[in-house]
């Protein structure tokens, strides 16, 4: 088991202890207590990301748009966790969407990242339509939805919302703000890959991350 970071923060300790019932080992945690936490992430544009402390809680803050052009239509603002590749996984993170309210107001949560042209992500947006609020796959082409069930969107409001993502094989489910039922569910390629945080083209911040999973060697697509 690879354990990237074990926090002493009470909130994350509770999440880590709860992981004993999940069936998957904890492979990474991050409470963003210091600016050094930025070094655990590889960003599409490091200038767009910073460490920020608000009311005593440190966070990974996406404060501006990235100067980045992806090879296919896909999110522009990504911070990928270094050194950990997982197959089946459970990700829990507190996320604060800091942009204005509009239908595509979003944050994204990446998984199965093999390279910039091959990865999956959950797009959580205020309103669902043909491109927003979906489970998406980027497979050598523009992102394409693979959602089989979803809500009409999520209420970001102001402040942190708890996001939990679970993948078992091809099936992916996403929960928002501790509601009992998933807001997104679908079937995506069961690629082992890296985990990431970000937004398609908005701003946001993230804290109290816990990743449980089955670790696997990183495989870069050709």
Foldseek 3Di string as FASTA:
>chain_A
DAEDDDDPDPVLVVVQVVCVPVPFHWHYWFQQQDFCVLVQWDWQAVVQWGWDADPNGIWTWRHAFGPHDFPAQDARTKIWGPDFWFQWKKKKWWKAQPFDDDFQSWKKKWFLPQDSQWTWIAIAGAADDLPGRFTWTRHNYHIHGFWPDADGGDDRDGDIKMKMWGDDAQWIFICIRPDPHTRTIGGDHRHTGIIMIGHRGGIMIIGTMIMTHDTDDRHHDD
